[in-house]
Amino acid sequence: MQNFLIPVDFSPASRNAASYAAQLAKVIGARLFLFHAYMLPTPVSEVPYVMVTADEMQKENEDLIRKEADFLSSRYGVEVEWLVRIGIASDEVKVLTKDRDADLIVMGMKGAGEIEKIIGSTTTNVIRKVRKPVLIVPHDASYKRISMVTYASDFSYKTSLRLFDPLIAIVKQFQANLIILNVQLQHSGAKPEELVGKKDIEEIFKNVSHQFVSTEDQSVNTGINHYIQRNSSDLLVMVSHAHGFLERIFSKDHTTAMAYETHIPMLVLQDKD
């Protein structure tokens, strides 16, 4: 992972994510690319309104992002580039992911009940639209060396070796311990396809030190949360499938979605080929 794309909106959560990304990039030897997208305000005819030109907004945002880039570069000693453009953030991120050959997208988030400016709109849209890994950094998460990684899996999907390259790279880089967590719904029992899936996962991680842990709970979200609360972990990893497991978690029907509740960074791997 050599190129990190960091969408920013200049909020505290966004700055925290950028700081985390810079410290991770310094260890890995990656470069940062900060990006901000903005929309021109739409005036309401009956309300007094002072028109702001596109040039004025562009300059203001460029001044802000330049300060962010200079701070990260000077404080953490990493290479930082930046870009500001008009557009819908998630759509522009999808384009830039390809144009800049991004290996990882790093985004901030606020917890449930807060202003959902980042996670409620941009982050979940990015996860659904892109095919690159997304690292979500909670607003209250500070960077620390990654020594314990928890990968939550339901073992029900065929997966490729390439999918797990970012996870394996992180585990090897930090010589971290890997826990492969499977949450069974209470009284449901393991299904035959899940047993096959577990064997596939075992093969994928055969060259990485790992341990399987199984637990039961009333829901997948709750089970993951309970495990994370009871066991120290520095990174949670989940896979986003097309029309699958993680997308159900991110749906609006789940008020306790994992992304809103986790207090540790969460790496979302994309299984959408």
C-alpha atoms as a PDB file:
ATOM      1  CA  MET A   1       0.000   0.000   0.000  1.00  0.00           C
ATOM      2  CA  GLN A   2       1.822   3.048  -1.304  1.00  0.00           C
ATOM      3  CA  ASN A   3      -0.906   5.623  -1.996  1.00  0.00           C
ATOM      4  CA  PHE A   4      -3.461   6.779   0.592  1.00  0.00           C
ATOM      5  CA  LEU A   5      -6.430   8.884  -0.530  1.00  0.00           C
ATOM      6  CA  ILE A   6      -7.892  10.966   2.307  1.00  0.00           C
ATOM      7  CA  PRO A   7     -11.167  12.819   1.645  1.00  0.00           C
ATOM      8  CA  VAL A   8     -11.371  15.768   4.054  1.00  0.00           C
ATOM      9  CA  ASP A   9     -14.087  18.231   5.052  1.00  0.00           C
ATOM     10  CA  PHE A  10     -12.013  20.136   7.673  1.00  0.00           C
ATOM     11  CA  SER A  11     -14.078  18.814  10.590  1.00  0.00           C
ATOM     12  CA  PRO A  12     -12.364  17.489  13.760  1.00  0.00           C
ATOM     13  CA  ALA A  13     -13.244  13.919  12.744  1.00  0.00           C
ATOM     14  CA  SER A  14     -11.716  14.469   9.327  1.00  0.00           C
ATOM     15  CA  ARG A  15      -8.535  15.952  10.771  1.00  0.00           C
ATOM     16  CA  ASN A  16      -8.250  13.050  13.190  1.00  0.00           C
ATOM     17  CA  ALA A  17      -8.508  10.576  10.306  1.00  0.00           C
ATOM     18  CA  ALA A  18      -5.867  12.459   8.320  1.00  0.00           C
ATOM     19  CA  SER A  19      -3.527  12.427  11.321  1.00  0.00           C
ATOM     20  CA  TYR A  20      -4.068   8.684  11.745  1.00  0.00           C
ATOM     21  CA  ALA A  21      -3.423   8.139   8.035  1.00  0.00           C
ATOM     22  CA  ALA A  22      -0.192  10.158   8.182  1.00  0.00           C
ATOM     23  CA  GLN A  23       1.168   8.140  11.094  1.00  0.00           C
ATOM     24  CA  LEU A  24       0.223   4.868   9.406  1.00  0.00           C
ATOM     25  CA  ALA A  25       1.770   6.070   6.141  1.00  0.00           C
ATOM     26  CA  LYS A  26       5.019   6.942   7.912  1.00  0.00           C
ATOM     27  CA  VAL A  27       5.367   3.360   9.163  1.00  0.00           C
ATOM     28  CA  ILE A  28       4.394   1.771   5.850  1.00  0.00           C
ATOM     29  CA  GLY A  29       6.227   4.278   3.648  1.00  0.00           C
ATOM     30  CA  ALA A  30       3.119   5.510   1.829  1.00  0.00           C
ATOM     31  CA  ARG A  31       2.184   8.865   0.309  1.00  0.00           C
ATOM     32  CA  LEU A  32      -0.893  10.924   1.195  1.00  0.00           C
ATOM     33  CA  PHE A  33      -3.294  12.579  -1.212  1.00  0.00           C
ATOM     34  CA  LEU A  34      -5.762  14.926   0.496  1.00  0.00           C
ATOM     35  CA  PHE A  35      -8.953  15.693  -1.366  1.00  0.00           C
ATOM     36  CA  HIS A  36     -11.854  18.046  -0.719  1.00  0.00           C
ATOM     37  CA  ALA A  37     -15.042  18.316  -2.768  1.00  0.00           C
ATOM     38  CA  TYR A  38     -17.522  21.151  -2.376  1.00  0.00           C
ATOM     39  CA  MET A  39     -20.813  22.250  -3.888  1.00  0.00           C
ATOM     40  CA  LEU A  40     -21.813  25.802  -4.716  1.00  0.00           C
ATOM     41  CA  PRO A  41     -24.594  27.036  -2.393  1.00  0.00           C
ATOM     42  CA  THR A  42     -28.040  27.300  -3.926  1.00  0.00           C
ATOM     43  CA  PRO A  43     -29.720  30.629  -3.111  1.00  0.00           C
ATOM     44  CA  VAL A  44     -33.317  30.748  -1.918  1.00  0.00           C
ATOM     45  CA  SER A  45     -35.144  33.554  -3.707  1.00  0.00           C
ATOM     46  CA  GLU A  46     -37.057  34.884  -0.687  1.00  0.00           C
ATOM     47  CA  VAL A  47     -34.032  34.933   1.611  1.00  0.00           C
ATOM     48  CA  PRO A  48     -31.379  37.678   1.424  1.00  0.00           C
ATOM     49  CA  TYR A  49     -28.266  36.050   0.053  1.00  0.00           C
ATOM     50  CA  VAL A  50     -24.722  37.219  -0.655  1.00  0.00           C
ATOM     51  CA  MET A  51     -23.494  35.357  -3.720  1.00  0.00           C
ATOM     52  CA  VAL A  52     -20.158  33.594  -3.302  1.00  0.00           C
ATOM     53  CA  THR A  53     -18.370  32.873  -6.553  1.00  0.00           C
ATOM     54  CA  ALA A  54     -16.855  29.544  -7.477  1.00  0.00           C
ATOM     55  CA  ASP A  55     -13.420  31.162  -7.595  1.00  0.00           C
ATOM     56  CA  GLU A  56     -13.828  32.485  -4.042  1.00  0.00           C
ATOM     57  CA  MET A  57     -14.926  29.100  -2.716  1.00  0.00           C
ATOM     58  CA  GLN A  58     -12.134  27.350  -4.590  1.00  0.00           C
ATOM     59  CA  LYS A  59      -9.502  29.658  -3.129  1.00  0.00           C
ATOM     60  CA  GLU A  60     -10.903  29.400   0.394  1.00  0.00           C
ATOM     61  CA  ASN A  61     -10.917  25.618   0.270  1.00  0.00           C
ATOM     62  CA  GLU A  62      -7.460  25.483  -1.289  1.00  0.00           C
ATOM     63  CA  ASP A  63      -6.102  27.659   1.519  1.00  0.00           C
ATOM     64  CA  LEU A  64      -7.629  25.305   4.101  1.00  0.00           C
ATOM     65  CA  ILE A  65      -6.404  22.088   2.525  1.00  0.00           C
ATOM     66  CA  ARG A  66      -2.915  23.530   1.947  1.00  0.00           C
ATOM     67  CA  LYS A  67      -2.646  24.216   5.677  1.00  0.00           C
ATOM     68  CA  GLU A  68      -3.763  20.643   6.417  1.00  0.00           C
ATOM     69  CA  ALA A  69      -1.170  19.238   4.007  1.00  0.00           C
ATOM     70  CA  ASP A  70       1.651  21.431   5.338  1.00  0.00           C
ATOM     71  CA  PHE A  71       0.830  20.444   8.921  1.00  0.00           C
ATOM     72  CA  LEU A  72       0.824  16.714   8.178  1.00  0.00           C
ATOM     73  CA  SER A  73       4.009  16.907   6.142  1.00  0.00           C
ATOM     74  CA  SER A  74       5.950  18.891   8.734  1.00  0.00           C
ATOM     75  CA  ARG A  75       4.684  16.987  11.771  1.00  0.00           C
ATOM     76  CA  TYR A  76       4.915  13.433  10.479  1.00  0.00           C
ATOM     77  CA  GLY A  77       7.514  13.701   7.727  1.00  0.00           C
ATOM     78  CA  VAL A  78       5.335  12.208   4.994  1.00  0.00           C
ATOM     79  CA  GLU A  79       4.807  13.206   1.362  1.00  0.00           C
ATOM     80  CA  VAL A  80       1.463  14.985   0.935  1.00  0.00           C
ATOM     81  CA  GLU A  81      -0.336  16.181  -2.187  1.00  0.00           C
ATOM     82  CA  TRP A  82      -3.762  17.774  -2.332  1.00  0.00           C
ATOM     83  CA  LEU A  83      -6.636  18.659  -4.637  1.00  0.00           C
ATOM     84  CA  VAL A  84      -9.871  20.651  -4.381  1.00  0.00           C
ATOM     85  CA  ARG A  85     -12.696  20.465  -6.908  1.00  0.00           C
ATOM     86  CA  ILE A  86     -16.424  21.028  -7.262  1.00  0.00           C
ATOM     87  CA  GLY A  87     -18.530  17.890  -7.118  1.00  0.00           C
ATOM     88  CA  ILE A  88     -20.282  15.276  -5.011  1.00  0.00           C
ATOM     89  CA  ALA A  89     -17.652  13.910  -2.665  1.00  0.00           C
ATOM     90  CA  SER A  90     -18.365  10.189  -3.039  1.00  0.00           C
ATOM     91  CA  ASP A  91     -18.504  10.409  -6.836  1.00  0.00           C
ATOM     92  CA  GLU A  92     -15.261  12.367  -7.007  1.00  0.00           C
ATOM     93  CA  VAL A  93     -13.558   9.924  -4.637  1.00  0.00           C
ATOM     94  CA  LYS A  94     -14.545   7.054  -6.932  1.00  0.00           C
ATOM     95  CA  VAL A  95     -12.939   8.841  -9.892  1.00  0.00           C
ATOM     96  CA  LEU A  96      -9.812   9.810  -7.974  1.00  0.00           C
ATOM     97  CA  THR A  97      -9.359   6.284  -6.654  1.00  0.00           C
ATOM     98  CA  LYS A  98      -8.654   5.245 -10.233  1.00  0.00           C
ATOM     99  CA  ASP A  99      -6.887   8.394 -11.402  1.00  0.00           C
ATOM    100  CA  ARG A 100      -4.478   8.442  -8.462  1.00  0.00           C
ATOM    101  CA  ASP A 101      -4.105   4.647  -8.236  1.00  0.00           C
ATOM    102  CA  ALA A 102      -5.107   4.750  -4.561  1.00  0.00           C
ATOM    103  CA  ASP A 103      -4.405   1.619  -2.539  1.00  0.00           C
ATOM    104  CA  LEU A 104      -6.352   2.738   0.532  1.00  0.00           C
ATOM    105  CA  ILE A 105      -9.004   5.348   1.252  1.00  0.00           C
ATOM    106  CA  VAL A 106      -8.936   6.766   4.794  1.00  0.00           C
ATOM    107  CA  MET A 107     -12.012   8.562   6.125  1.00  0.00           C
ATOM    108  CA  GLY A 108     -13.186   9.956   9.448  1.00  0.00           C
ATOM    109  CA  MET A 109     -16.509   9.363  11.147  1.00  0.00           C
ATOM    110  CA  LYS A 110     -18.685  10.484  14.023  1.00  0.00           C
ATOM    111  CA  GLY A 111     -20.630   8.137  16.252  1.00  0.00           C
ATOM    112  CA  ALA A 112     -24.376   7.549  16.282  1.00  0.00           C
ATOM    113  CA  GLY A 113     -26.363  10.573  17.379  1.00  0.00           C
ATOM    114  CA  GLU A 114     -23.785  13.049  16.109  1.00  0.00           C
ATOM    115  CA  ILE A 115     -23.966  15.094  12.930  1.00  0.00           C
ATOM    116  CA  GLU A 116     -23.780  12.400  10.260  1.00  0.00           C
ATOM    117  CA  LYS A 117     -22.090  14.661   7.753  1.00  0.00           C
ATOM    118  CA  ILE A 118     -19.274  12.205   7.099  1.00  0.00           C
ATOM    119  CA  ILE A 119     -20.348   8.679   7.933  1.00  0.00           C
ATOM    120  CA  GLY A 120     -24.043   9.168   7.181  1.00  0.00           C
ATOM    121  CA  SER A 121     -23.568  10.420   3.652  1.00  0.00           C
ATOM    122  CA  THR A 122     -20.084  10.366   2.239  1.00  0.00           C
ATOM    123  CA  THR A 123     -18.406   7.401   3.918  1.00  0.00           C
ATOM    124  CA  THR A 124     -21.181   4.863   3.396  1.00  0.00           C
ATOM    125  CA  ASN A 125     -21.585   6.040  -0.189  1.00  0.00           C
ATOM    126  CA  VAL A 126     -17.857   5.677  -0.796  1.00  0.00           C
ATOM    127  CA  ILE A 127     -17.898   2.144   0.622  1.00  0.00           C
ATOM    128  CA  ARG A 128     -20.727   1.191  -1.707  1.00  0.00           C
ATOM    129  CA  LYS A 129     -19.238   2.810  -4.807  1.00  0.00           C
ATOM    130  CA  VAL A 130     -15.510   2.042  -4.719  1.00  0.00           C
ATOM    131  CA  ARG A 131     -13.610  -1.212  -5.101  1.00  0.00           C
ATOM    132  CA  LYS A 132     -10.634  -0.219  -2.979  1.00  0.00           C
ATOM    133  CA  PRO A 133     -10.236  -0.797   0.783  1.00  0.00           C
ATOM    134  CA  VAL A 134     -11.627   1.909   3.038  1.00  0.00           C
ATOM    135  CA  LEU A 135     -10.195   2.595   6.492  1.00  0.00           C
ATOM    136  CA  ILE A 136     -12.764   4.288   8.743  1.00  0.00           C
ATOM    137  CA  VAL A 137     -11.256   6.155  11.696  1.00  0.00           C
ATOM    138  CA  PRO A 138     -13.654   7.040  14.552  1.00  0.00           C
ATOM    139  CA  HIS A 139     -13.449  10.604  15.828  1.00  0.00           C
ATOM    140  CA  ASP A 140     -12.233   9.370  19.230  1.00  0.00           C
ATOM    141  CA  ALA A 141      -9.615   6.903  17.947  1.00  0.00           C
ATOM    142  CA  SER A 142      -5.942   7.796  18.324  1.00  0.00           C
ATOM    143  CA  TYR A 143      -3.150   6.201  16.370  1.00  0.00           C
ATOM    144  CA  LYS A 144      -1.333   3.381  18.099  1.00  0.00           C
ATOM    145  CA  ARG A 145       0.850   0.583  16.859  1.00  0.00           C
ATOM    146  CA  ILE A 146      -1.315  -2.227  15.500  1.00  0.00           C
ATOM    147  CA  SER A 147      -0.597  -5.308  17.580  1.00  0.00           C
ATOM    148  CA  MET A 148      -4.013  -7.037  17.520  1.00  0.00           C
ATOM    149  CA  VAL A 149      -6.321  -7.274  14.496  1.00  0.00           C
ATOM    150  CA  THR A 150      -9.869  -8.700  14.567  1.00  0.00           C
ATOM    151  CA  TYR A 151     -11.321  -9.855  11.259  1.00  0.00           C
ATOM    152  CA  ALA A 152     -15.068 -10.507  11.548  1.00  0.00           C
ATOM    153  CA  SER A 153     -16.355 -13.051   9.029  1.00  0.00           C
ATOM    154  CA  ASP A 154     -19.477 -15.124   8.532  1.00  0.00           C
ATOM    155  CA  PHE A 155     -17.589 -17.643   6.311  1.00  0.00           C
ATOM    156  CA  SER A 156     -20.447 -17.680   3.818  1.00  0.00           C
ATOM    157  CA  TYR A 157     -18.754 -16.178   0.753  1.00  0.00           C
ATOM    158  CA  LYS A 158     -16.213 -17.362  -1.768  1.00  0.00           C
ATOM    159  CA  THR A 159     -13.261 -15.041  -1.543  1.00  0.00           C
ATOM    160  CA  SER A 160     -10.079 -14.386  -3.507  1.00  0.00           C
ATOM    161  CA  LEU A 161      -6.518 -14.208  -2.289  1.00  0.00           C
ATOM    162  CA  ARG A 162      -6.183 -10.660  -3.640  1.00  0.00           C
ATOM    163  CA  LEU A 163      -9.024  -9.440  -1.450  1.00  0.00           C
ATOM    164  CA  PHE A 164      -7.024  -9.977   1.721  1.00  0.00           C
ATOM    165  CA  ASP A 165      -3.717  -8.508   0.496  1.00  0.00           C
ATOM    166  CA  PRO A 166      -4.148  -5.246   2.493  1.00  0.00           C
ATOM    167  CA  LEU A 167      -4.982  -7.145   5.680  1.00  0.00           C
ATOM    168  CA  ILE A 168      -2.080  -9.567   5.284  1.00  0.00           C
ATOM    169  CA  ALA A 169       0.265  -6.655   4.520  1.00  0.00           C
ATOM    170  CA  ILE A 170      -0.757  -4.846   7.724  1.00  0.00           C
ATOM    171  CA  VAL A 171      -0.450  -7.965   9.862  1.00  0.00           C
ATOM    172  CA  LYS A 172       3.023  -8.676   8.499  1.00  0.00           C
ATOM    173  CA  GLN A 173       4.152  -5.032   8.660  1.00  0.00           C
ATOM    174  CA  PHE A 174       3.306  -4.764  12.354  1.00  0.00           C
ATOM    175  CA  GLN A 175       3.852  -8.447  13.198  1.00  0.00           C
ATOM    176  CA  ALA A 176       0.365  -8.297  14.655  1.00  0.00           C
ATOM    177  CA  ASN A 177      -1.795 -11.075  16.024  1.00  0.00           C
ATOM    178  CA  LEU A 178      -4.849 -11.878  13.893  1.00  0.00           C
ATOM    179  CA  ILE A 179      -8.141 -13.026  15.364  1.00  0.00           C
ATOM    180  CA  ILE A 180     -10.720 -14.367  12.891  1.00  0.00           C
ATOM    181  CA  LEU A 181     -14.045 -13.801  14.619  1.00  0.00           C
ATOM    182  CA  ASN A 182     -17.238 -15.607  13.664  1.00  0.00           C
ATOM    183  CA  VAL A 183     -20.485 -14.502  15.283  1.00  0.00           C
ATOM    184  CA  GLN A 184     -23.283 -17.066  15.182  1.00  0.00           C
ATOM    185  CA  LEU A 185     -26.825 -16.003  15.880  1.00  0.00           C
ATOM    186  CA  GLN A 186     -28.067 -17.633  19.066  1.00  0.00           C
ATOM    187  CA  HIS A 187     -29.309 -21.202  18.584  1.00  0.00           C
ATOM    188  CA  SER A 188     -28.679 -21.071  14.816  1.00  0.00           C
ATOM    189  CA  GLY A 189     -25.694 -23.419  14.558  1.00  0.00           C
ATOM    190  CA  ALA A 190     -23.083 -23.509  11.813  1.00  0.00           C
ATOM    191  CA  LYS A 191     -24.239 -24.093   8.225  1.00  0.00           C
ATOM    192  CA  PRO A 192     -22.369 -26.476   5.874  1.00  0.00           C
ATOM    193  CA  GLU A 193     -21.294 -23.636   3.550  1.00  0.00           C
ATOM    194  CA  GLU A 194     -19.841 -21.776   6.526  1.00  0.00           C
ATOM    195  CA  LEU A 195     -17.670 -24.770   7.417  1.00  0.00           C
ATOM    196  CA  VAL A 196     -16.383 -24.820   3.838  1.00  0.00           C
ATOM    197  CA  GLY A 197     -15.792 -21.074   4.014  1.00  0.00           C
ATOM    198  CA  LYS A 198     -13.764 -21.490   7.184  1.00  0.00           C
ATOM    199  CA  LYS A 199     -11.481 -23.954   5.408  1.00  0.00           C
ATOM    200  CA  ASP A 200     -10.999 -21.442   2.590  1.00  0.00           C
ATOM    201  CA  ILE A 201     -10.077 -18.742   5.104  1.00  0.00           C
ATOM    202  CA  GLU A 202      -7.653 -21.121   6.793  1.00  0.00           C
ATOM    203  CA  GLU A 203      -5.907 -21.630   3.457  1.00  0.00           C
ATOM    204  CA  ILE A 204      -5.728 -17.896   2.732  1.00  0.00           C
ATOM    205  CA  PHE A 205      -4.074 -17.115   6.077  1.00  0.00           C
ATOM    206  CA  LYS A 206      -1.872 -20.194   6.261  1.00  0.00           C
ATOM    207  CA  ASN A 207       1.283 -18.070   6.203  1.00  0.00           C
ATOM    208  CA  VAL A 208       0.027 -15.620   8.834  1.00  0.00           C
ATOM    209  CA  SER A 209      -0.212 -16.312  12.541  1.00  0.00           C
ATOM    210  CA  HIS A 210      -3.916 -16.388  13.348  1.00  0.00           C
ATOM    211  CA  GLN A 211      -6.555 -17.789  15.672  1.00  0.00           C
ATOM    212  CA  PHE A 212     -10.232 -18.578  15.128  1.00  0.00           C
ATOM    213  CA  VAL A 213     -12.753 -17.394  17.704  1.00  0.00           C
ATOM    214  CA  SER A 214     -16.471 -18.217  17.590  1.00  0.00           C
ATOM    215  CA  THR A 215     -19.188 -16.615  19.686  1.00  0.00           C
ATOM    216  CA  GLU A 216     -22.983 -16.469  19.842  1.00  0.00           C
ATOM    217  CA  ASP A 217     -25.112 -13.357  20.190  1.00  0.00           C
ATOM    218  CA  GLN A 218     -28.510 -11.906  19.335  1.00  0.00           C
ATOM    219  CA  SER A 219     -27.117 -10.093  16.277  1.00  0.00           C
ATOM    220  CA  VAL A 220     -23.867  -9.886  14.350  1.00  0.00           C
ATOM    221  CA  ASN A 221     -23.400  -6.230  15.301  1.00  0.00           C
ATOM    222  CA  THR A 222     -23.882  -6.919  18.985  1.00  0.00           C
ATOM    223  CA  GLY A 223     -21.603  -9.935  18.912  1.00  0.00           C
ATOM    224  CA  ILE A 224     -18.768  -8.011  17.306  1.00  0.00           C
ATOM    225  CA  ASN A 225     -19.217  -5.131  19.732  1.00  0.00           C
ATOM    226  CA  HIS A 226     -19.225  -7.433  22.733  1.00  0.00           C
ATOM    227  CA  TYR A 227     -16.059  -9.161  21.579  1.00  0.00           C
ATOM    228  CA  ILE A 228     -14.234  -5.875  20.882  1.00  0.00           C
ATOM    229  CA  GLN A 229     -15.263  -4.512  24.281  1.00  0.00           C
ATOM    230  CA  ARG A 230     -13.983  -7.575  26.114  1.00  0.00           C
ATOM    231  CA  ASN A 231     -10.831  -8.136  24.091  1.00  0.00           C
ATOM    232  CA  SER A 232      -8.202  -5.581  23.187  1.00  0.00           C
ATOM    233  CA  SER A 233      -8.009  -4.923  19.459  1.00  0.00           C
ATOM    234  CA  ASP A 234      -6.383  -2.138  17.451  1.00  0.00           C
ATOM    235  CA  LEU A 235      -8.121  -2.743  14.127  1.00  0.00           C
ATOM    236  CA  LEU A 236     -11.447  -4.260  13.112  1.00  0.00           C
ATOM    237  CA  VAL A 237     -11.651  -5.727   9.603  1.00  0.00           C
ATOM    238  CA  MET A 238     -14.829  -6.543   7.673  1.00  0.00           C
ATOM    239  CA  VAL A 239     -15.611  -7.371   4.047  1.00  0.00           C
ATOM    240  CA  SER A 240     -18.151  -5.506   1.948  1.00  0.00           C
ATOM    241  CA  HIS A 241     -19.798  -7.885  -0.535  1.00  0.00           C
ATOM    242  CA  ALA A 242     -22.090  -6.842  -3.344  1.00  0.00           C
ATOM    243  CA  HIS A 243     -25.566  -7.177  -1.811  1.00  0.00           C
ATOM    244  CA  GLY A 244     -24.095  -8.978   1.153  1.00  0.00           C
ATOM    245  CA  PHE A 245     -23.138  -9.053   4.779  1.00  0.00           C
ATOM    246  CA  LEU A 246     -21.635  -5.618   5.380  1.00  0.00           C
ATOM    247  CA  GLU A 247     -24.106  -3.815   3.141  1.00  0.00           C
ATOM    248  CA  ARG A 248     -26.903  -5.156   5.310  1.00  0.00           C
ATOM    249  CA  ILE A 249     -25.108  -3.780   8.345  1.00  0.00           C
ATOM    250  CA  PHE A 250     -24.774  -0.376   6.682  1.00  0.00           C
ATOM    251  CA  SER A 251     -28.411  -0.225   5.644  1.00  0.00           C
ATOM    252  CA  LYS A 252     -30.599   2.426   7.248  1.00  0.00           C
ATOM    253  CA  ASP A 253     -32.591  -0.283   9.037  1.00  0.00           C
ATOM    254  CA  HIS A 254     -29.657  -0.968  11.371  1.00  0.00           C
ATOM    255  CA  THR A 255     -29.537   1.847  13.933  1.00  0.00           C
ATOM    256  CA  THR A 256     -26.638   0.187  15.711  1.00  0.00           C
ATOM    257  CA  ALA A 257     -24.535  -0.210  12.583  1.00  0.00           C
ATOM    258  CA  MET A 258     -20.978  -1.296  13.212  1.00  0.00           C
ATOM    259  CA  ALA A 259     -19.508   1.781  11.602  1.00  0.00           C
ATOM    260  CA  TYR A 260     -21.306   4.069  14.022  1.00  0.00           C
ATOM    261  CA  GLU A 261     -20.482   2.091  17.138  1.00  0.00           C
ATOM    262  CA  THR A 262     -16.884   1.043  16.801  1.00  0.00           C
ATOM    263  CA  HIS A 263     -14.308   3.039  18.746  1.00  0.00           C
ATOM    264  CA  ILE A 264     -11.382   1.459  16.939  1.00  0.00           C
ATOM    265  CA  PRO A 265     -10.447   1.938  13.278  1.00  0.00           C
ATOM    266  CA  MET A 266     -12.300  -0.351  10.874  1.00  0.00           C
ATOM    267  CA  LEU A 267     -10.808  -1.570   7.600  1.00  0.00           C
ATOM    268  CA  VAL A 268     -13.434  -2.424   4.984  1.00  0.00           C
ATOM    269  CA  LEU A 269     -12.216  -4.788   2.262  1.00  0.00           C
ATOM    270  CA  GLN A 270     -14.127  -4.763  -1.018  1.00  0.00           C
ATOM    271  CA  ASP A 271     -15.332  -8.044  -2.546  1.00  0.00           C
ATOM    272  CA  LYS A 272     -17.141  -6.661  -5.568  1.00  0.00           C
ATOM    273  CA  ASP A 273     -15.404  -8.026  -8.670  1.00  0.00           C
END
